[in-house]
Amino acid sequence: MQSYVPWLVFGVVIGAIFVADFFFINRNAHEIRVKESILATLGINLVAGLFGIYVLFLKGHEPMLQFFTGYLIEYSLSVDNLFVFMVLFSLFNVPPQYRHRVLFWGILFAIFARGLFIFGGVTLVTRFHWTVYLLGAFLVYTGLKLFFRKEEESNIMDNRFFRWLNRVIPLKKDICDECFTVRDDGKLYATPLLMCLIAIEIIDILFAFDSVPAILTISRDPFIIFTSNLFAILGLRSLYFALSGVMGLFRFLHYGLAVILVFIGVKILIEDWWTMPIAVALGTVAAVLAITVTISLLLPEKK
């Protein structure tokens, strides 16, 4: 099979999802209900599962396991971002009916940004093998930092970039329907939707520094890495609307994510002496997630 065909199939699948979403399912701005978001989450997971089967027939059993492992790692690490989304939507006073639009355009940018990170990372670790040890050490450090992190409150608008952006494009504090920019007396203003979108993109770029190296330890195939990464990002958006009301219940989840990062980091550091079976890696990640979510539900935070 020619090399461009799998990419073409993937492009058609993703394109169909975006077209159905933008022009049919969410054509009109509305608040995404829990039932609707759960169905969307199940739908994305089903499509990802079918695509994993396609990878099985296309590349074999091992690449299929790599796809699902990468998908699960990216999905689990992305859950931590949902809390950030909640804070940003609250900070910029984005009404519920417009939040889907912000996340929709955010994902389009994420496709481009993740592509640069992934293909650049694959090239780096392929040409310079020693860089994989830097990736492993970085993941261990990030996991330990996440495990012992302290909750801190900060105002993202105090960031230098946003202060500079506010001088270039003044912020109009009122929401103007679904518009990202608006003109008033001939002067261009940014709406809170645009500021929120930019903040989400900055967060996604920062998050990619953790998630992309983690997936690079699973596979060196750009097709496996990019497709699993993107399917997880697509599922993240619908998952946000499904869990936005109950995310506070997962109080111990960040400990599980920290353990996963350290585990993946150690995996890559020892792979010259022992190559861990991909099924073991997949099972370990799934088990850590299941344990931390279960503990969070059994031991809710006392108010």
Protein backbone atom coordinates (compact mmCIF):
# COMPACT_ATOMS: atom_id res chain seq x y z
CA MET A 1 0.00 0.00 0.00
CA GLN A 2 1.38 3.38 -0.98
CA SER A 3 2.53 5.50 1.94
CA TYR A 4 0.11 8.37 1.33
CA VAL A 5 -3.03 6.19 1.39
CA PRO A 6 -3.21 5.75 5.21
CA TRP A 7 -2.80 9.50 5.65
CA LEU A 8 -5.54 10.06 3.08
CA VAL A 9 -7.88 7.70 4.95
CA PHE A 10 -7.11 9.46 8.22
CA GLY A 11 -7.70 12.87 6.61
CA VAL A 12 -11.06 11.77 5.24
CA VAL A 13 -12.17 10.43 8.65
CA ILE A 14 -11.11 13.58 10.53
CA GLY A 15 -12.53 15.84 7.81
CA ALA A 16 -15.88 14.05 7.98
CA ILE A 17 -15.97 14.51 11.78
CA PHE A 18 -15.28 18.25 11.50
CA VAL A 19 -17.81 18.77 8.68
CA ALA A 20 -20.54 16.87 10.55
CA ASP A 21 -19.76 18.79 13.72
CA PHE A 22 -19.53 22.31 12.29
CA PHE A 23 -22.22 22.22 9.60
CA PHE A 24 -24.79 19.83 11.04
CA ILE A 25 -24.56 18.77 14.70
CA ASN A 26 -23.48 22.12 16.19
CA ARG A 27 -24.40 24.49 13.39
CA ASN A 28 -26.29 26.75 15.77
CA ALA A 29 -24.74 27.95 19.03
CA HIS A 30 -26.28 26.18 22.00
CA GLU A 31 -25.34 24.86 25.40
CA ILE A 32 -24.01 21.31 25.11
CA ARG A 33 -26.03 19.04 27.39
CA VAL A 34 -24.55 16.11 29.28
CA LYS A 35 -26.45 13.50 27.26
CA GLU A 36 -25.33 15.04 23.98
CA SER A 37 -21.71 15.24 25.11
CA ILE A 38 -21.71 11.64 26.36
CA LEU A 39 -23.00 10.44 22.98
CA ALA A 40 -20.33 12.51 21.23
CA THR A 41 -17.61 11.09 23.50
CA LEU A 42 -18.77 7.54 22.83
CA GLY A 43 -18.89 8.29 19.11
CA ILE A 44 -15.32 9.61 19.01
CA ASN A 45 -14.07 6.64 21.03
CA LEU A 46 -15.89 4.27 18.68
CA VAL A 47 -14.31 5.91 15.62
CA ALA A 48 -10.89 5.77 17.32
CA GLY A 49 -11.43 2.08 18.08
CA LEU A 50 -12.37 1.33 14.48
CA PHE A 51 -9.33 3.25 13.29
CA GLY A 52 -7.19 1.15 15.64
CA ILE A 53 -8.56 -1.96 13.90
CA TYR A 54 -7.65 -0.34 10.58
CA VAL A 55 -4.09 0.10 11.91
CA LEU A 56 -4.10 -3.64 12.77
CA PHE A 57 -4.83 -4.62 9.18
CA LEU A 58 -2.53 -1.91 7.85
CA LYS A 59 0.59 -2.38 10.00
CA GLY A 60 0.06 -5.35 12.30
CA HIS A 61 -0.61 -6.25 15.93
CA GLU A 62 2.26 -4.32 17.56
CA PRO A 63 1.49 -0.97 15.83
CA MET A 64 -2.17 -1.39 16.82
CA LEU A 65 -1.18 -1.74 20.49
CA GLN A 66 1.09 1.30 20.08
CA PHE A 67 -1.85 3.27 18.69
CA PHE A 68 -4.14 2.40 21.60
CA THR A 69 -1.38 2.98 24.16
CA GLY A 70 -0.60 6.39 22.68
CA TYR A 71 -4.31 7.18 22.55
CA LEU A 72 -4.83 6.23 26.19
CA ILE A 73 -1.76 8.15 27.39
CA GLU A 74 -2.73 11.30 25.50
CA TYR A 75 -6.35 10.98 26.61
CA SER A 76 -5.42 10.54 30.27
CA LEU A 77 -2.90 13.38 30.29
CA SER A 78 -5.42 15.62 28.52
CA VAL A 79 -7.97 15.18 31.31
CA ASP A 80 -5.88 17.48 33.50
CA ASN A 81 -6.42 20.19 30.90
CA LEU A 82 -10.18 20.08 31.42
CA PHE A 83 -9.74 21.82 34.76
CA VAL A 84 -7.82 24.59 32.98
CA PHE A 85 -10.64 24.96 30.44
CA MET A 86 -13.12 25.43 33.26
CA VAL A 87 -10.99 28.18 34.81
CA LEU A 88 -10.47 29.98 31.48
CA PHE A 89 -14.15 29.91 30.53
CA SER A 90 -15.00 31.32 33.95
CA LEU A 91 -12.22 33.93 33.81
CA PHE A 92 -13.34 35.28 30.43
CA ASN A 93 -17.07 34.87 31.22
CA VAL A 94 -17.69 32.75 28.13
CA PRO A 95 -21.39 31.73 28.03
CA PRO A 96 -22.01 27.95 27.83
CA GLN A 97 -23.52 28.21 24.33
CA TYR A 98 -20.26 29.60 22.88
CA ARG A 99 -17.78 27.29 24.56
CA HIS A 100 -18.06 24.62 21.88
CA ARG A 101 -17.08 27.19 19.23
CA VAL A 102 -13.95 28.17 21.16
CA LEU A 103 -12.87 24.54 21.59
CA PHE A 104 -13.67 23.76 17.93
CA TRP A 105 -11.26 26.38 16.60
CA GLY A 106 -8.81 25.49 19.34
CA ILE A 107 -8.59 21.93 18.02
CA LEU A 108 -7.90 23.14 14.47
CA PHE A 109 -4.87 25.02 15.75
CA ALA A 110 -3.85 22.06 17.89
CA ILE A 111 -3.68 19.86 14.77
CA PHE A 112 -1.08 22.18 13.24
CA ALA A 113 0.90 22.66 16.49
CA ARG A 114 0.97 18.96 17.39
CA GLY A 115 2.11 18.12 13.86
CA LEU A 116 5.16 20.35 14.27
CA PHE A 117 5.96 18.90 17.71
CA ILE A 118 5.53 15.28 16.62
CA PHE A 119 7.41 15.33 13.32
CA GLY A 120 10.16 17.46 14.85
CA GLY A 121 10.42 15.12 17.82
CA VAL A 122 10.52 11.98 15.67
CA THR A 123 13.29 13.49 13.54
CA LEU A 124 15.25 14.44 16.64
CA VAL A 125 15.15 11.07 18.41
CA THR A 126 15.80 9.21 15.13
CA ARG A 127 18.93 11.17 14.22
CA PHE A 128 20.22 11.68 17.75
CA HIS A 129 19.46 8.60 19.85
CA TRP A 130 20.89 10.12 23.03
CA THR A 131 18.01 12.62 23.08
CA VAL A 132 15.65 9.85 24.19
CA TYR A 133 17.41 9.87 27.57
CA LEU A 134 16.71 13.58 27.86
CA LEU A 135 13.05 12.85 27.10
CA GLY A 136 12.96 10.11 29.71
CA ALA A 137 14.58 12.29 32.38
CA PHE A 138 12.25 15.17 31.48
CA LEU A 139 9.17 12.96 31.91
CA VAL A 140 10.38 11.67 35.28
CA TYR A 141 11.04 15.24 36.43
CA THR A 142 7.64 16.43 35.16
CA GLY A 143 5.85 13.53 36.85
CA LEU A 144 7.53 14.20 40.21
CA LYS A 145 6.76 17.90 39.89
CA LEU A 146 3.11 17.12 39.14
CA PHE A 147 2.92 14.70 42.07
CA PHE A 148 4.12 17.28 44.59
CA ARG A 149 2.50 20.32 43.01
CA LYS A 150 0.67 22.90 45.08
CA GLU A 151 -2.51 24.61 43.96
CA GLU A 152 -1.81 28.23 43.10
CA GLU A 153 -4.19 30.86 41.90
CA SER A 154 -3.06 33.26 39.17
CA ASN A 155 -4.65 35.63 36.72
CA ILE A 156 -3.65 34.73 33.18
CA MET A 157 -4.32 38.29 32.07
CA ASP A 158 -1.26 39.33 34.10
CA ASN A 159 0.86 37.39 31.62
CA ARG A 160 3.16 39.64 29.57
CA PHE A 161 1.82 38.26 26.30
CA PHE A 162 -1.75 39.18 27.18
CA ARG A 163 -0.74 42.62 28.36
CA TRP A 164 1.03 43.15 25.03
CA LEU A 165 -1.91 41.72 23.07
CA ASN A 166 -4.32 44.00 24.89
CA ARG A 167 -2.28 46.97 23.64
CA VAL A 168 -2.28 45.69 20.05
CA ILE A 169 -5.96 44.67 19.99
CA PRO A 170 -7.92 46.34 22.82
CA LEU A 171 -10.28 44.03 24.66
CA LYS A 172 -13.99 44.64 24.53
CA LYS A 173 -15.34 43.02 27.67
CA ASP A 174 -18.84 42.37 26.32
CA ILE A 175 -19.63 39.10 24.50
CA CYS A 176 -20.73 39.87 20.92
CA ASP A 177 -22.52 36.69 19.86
CA GLU A 178 -20.02 34.21 18.39
CA CYS A 179 -17.57 36.86 17.16
CA PHE A 180 -13.90 36.72 18.05
CA THR A 181 -13.36 40.33 16.97
CA VAL A 182 -15.72 43.29 16.57
CA ARG A 183 -15.46 46.81 15.17
CA ASP A 184 -16.72 49.79 17.11
CA ASP A 185 -16.44 53.27 15.55
CA GLY A 186 -14.00 51.85 13.02
CA LYS A 187 -11.67 50.43 15.69
CA LEU A 188 -10.96 46.72 15.96
CA TYR A 189 -11.54 45.08 19.35
CA ALA A 190 -10.93 41.55 20.58
CA THR A 191 -13.83 39.87 22.36
CA PRO A 192 -13.43 37.61 25.41
CA LEU A 193 -13.91 34.65 23.04
CA LEU A 194 -10.67 35.49 21.20
CA MET A 195 -8.74 36.00 24.43
CA CYS A 196 -10.03 32.68 25.76
CA LEU A 197 -9.12 30.92 22.50
CA ILE A 198 -5.57 32.30 22.62
CA ALA A 199 -5.22 31.25 26.26
CA ILE A 200 -6.36 27.72 25.40
CA GLU A 201 -3.83 27.53 22.55
CA ILE A 202 -1.02 28.65 24.86
CA ILE A 203 -2.04 25.98 27.36
CA ASP A 204 -2.12 23.35 24.60
CA ILE A 205 1.40 24.26 23.45
CA LEU A 206 2.71 24.05 27.02
CA PHE A 207 0.88 20.74 27.51
CA ALA A 208 2.44 19.34 24.31
CA PHE A 209 5.86 19.54 25.97
CA ASP A 210 4.67 16.77 28.32
CA SER A 211 2.35 14.66 26.19
CA VAL A 212 4.32 14.45 22.92
CA PRO A 213 7.54 13.18 24.58
CA ALA A 214 5.45 10.59 26.44
CA ILE A 215 4.05 9.21 23.18
CA LEU A 216 7.48 9.28 21.51
CA THR A 217 8.51 6.62 24.02
CA ILE A 218 5.79 4.33 22.70
CA SER A 219 6.42 4.57 18.96
CA ARG A 220 8.70 6.25 16.43
CA ASP A 221 6.11 6.00 13.65
CA PRO A 222 4.77 9.54 12.90
CA PHE A 223 1.52 8.05 11.62
CA ILE A 224 0.86 6.16 14.86
CA ILE A 225 1.84 9.11 17.05
CA PHE A 226 -0.09 11.78 15.16
CA THR A 227 -3.30 9.80 14.65
CA SER A 228 -3.53 8.58 18.26
CA ASN A 229 -2.72 12.08 19.50
CA LEU A 230 -5.36 13.75 17.37
CA PHE A 231 -8.13 11.28 18.14
CA ALA A 232 -7.48 11.86 21.85
CA ILE A 233 -7.67 15.64 21.39
CA LEU A 234 -10.97 15.28 19.54
CA GLY A 235 -12.34 13.17 22.37
CA LEU A 236 -11.14 15.69 24.92
CA ARG A 237 -13.54 18.39 23.70
CA SER A 238 -16.67 16.27 24.05
CA LEU A 239 -15.35 14.84 27.31
CA TYR A 240 -15.14 18.37 28.73
CA PHE A 241 -18.87 18.92 28.32
CA ALA A 242 -19.62 15.47 29.72
CA LEU A 243 -17.50 15.95 32.86
CA SER A 244 -17.60 19.72 33.41
CA GLY A 245 -20.07 19.37 36.24
CA VAL A 246 -18.34 16.52 38.08
CA MET A 247 -14.60 17.06 37.46
CA GLY A 248 -14.18 18.14 41.05
CA LEU A 249 -14.76 14.51 42.05
CA PHE A 250 -11.46 13.37 40.54
CA ARG A 251 -9.33 14.87 43.31
CA PHE A 252 -6.56 12.24 43.11
CA LEU A 253 -6.34 12.09 39.32
CA HIS A 254 -3.22 14.25 39.07
CA TYR A 255 -1.36 11.72 41.23
CA GLY A 256 -2.21 9.03 38.71
CA LEU A 257 -1.06 11.24 35.83
CA ALA A 258 2.20 11.88 37.69
CA VAL A 259 2.77 8.13 38.12
CA ILE A 260 2.09 7.59 34.40
CA LEU A 261 4.65 10.24 33.40
CA VAL A 262 7.30 8.76 35.72
CA PHE A 263 6.50 5.25 34.48
CA ILE A 264 6.87 6.23 30.82
CA GLY A 265 10.06 8.13 31.62
CA VAL A 266 11.61 5.12 33.37
CA LYS A 267 10.49 2.90 30.48
CA ILE A 268 12.51 4.88 27.97
CA LEU A 269 15.54 5.15 30.28
CA ILE A 270 15.85 1.37 30.60
CA GLU A 271 14.87 0.35 27.06
CA ASP A 272 18.52 -0.25 26.01
CA TRP A 273 18.69 -3.00 28.67
CA TRP A 274 15.09 -4.24 28.62
CA THR A 275 12.36 -3.54 26.11
CA MET A 276 9.03 -3.47 27.89
CA PRO A 277 6.23 -5.22 25.93
CA ILE A 278 3.75 -2.66 24.66
CA ALA A 279 0.89 -4.69 26.20
CA VAL A 280 2.49 -4.25 29.64
CA ALA A 281 2.75 -0.49 29.12
CA LEU A 282 -0.88 -0.28 27.98
CA GLY A 283 -2.10 -2.37 30.92
CA THR A 284 -0.09 -0.35 33.44
CA VAL A 285 -1.43 3.00 32.20
CA ALA A 286 -5.01 1.68 32.24
CA ALA A 287 -4.60 0.22 35.73
CA VAL A 288 -3.15 3.45 37.19
CA LEU A 289 -6.02 5.47 35.76
CA ALA A 290 -8.63 3.01 37.04
CA ILE A 291 -7.13 2.98 40.55
CA THR A 292 -6.85 6.77 40.93
CA VAL A 293 -10.35 7.40 39.57
CA THR A 294 -11.79 4.71 41.87
CA ILE A 295 -10.03 6.14 44.93
CA SER A 296 -11.24 9.63 44.01
CA LEU A 297 -14.84 8.41 43.87
CA LEU A 298 -14.57 6.41 47.10
CA LEU A 299 -12.86 9.26 49.01
CA PRO A 300 -14.55 12.50 47.90
CA GLU A 301 -13.24 15.78 49.24
CA LYS A 302 -15.00 17.00 52.35
CA LYS A 303 -16.45 20.48 51.98
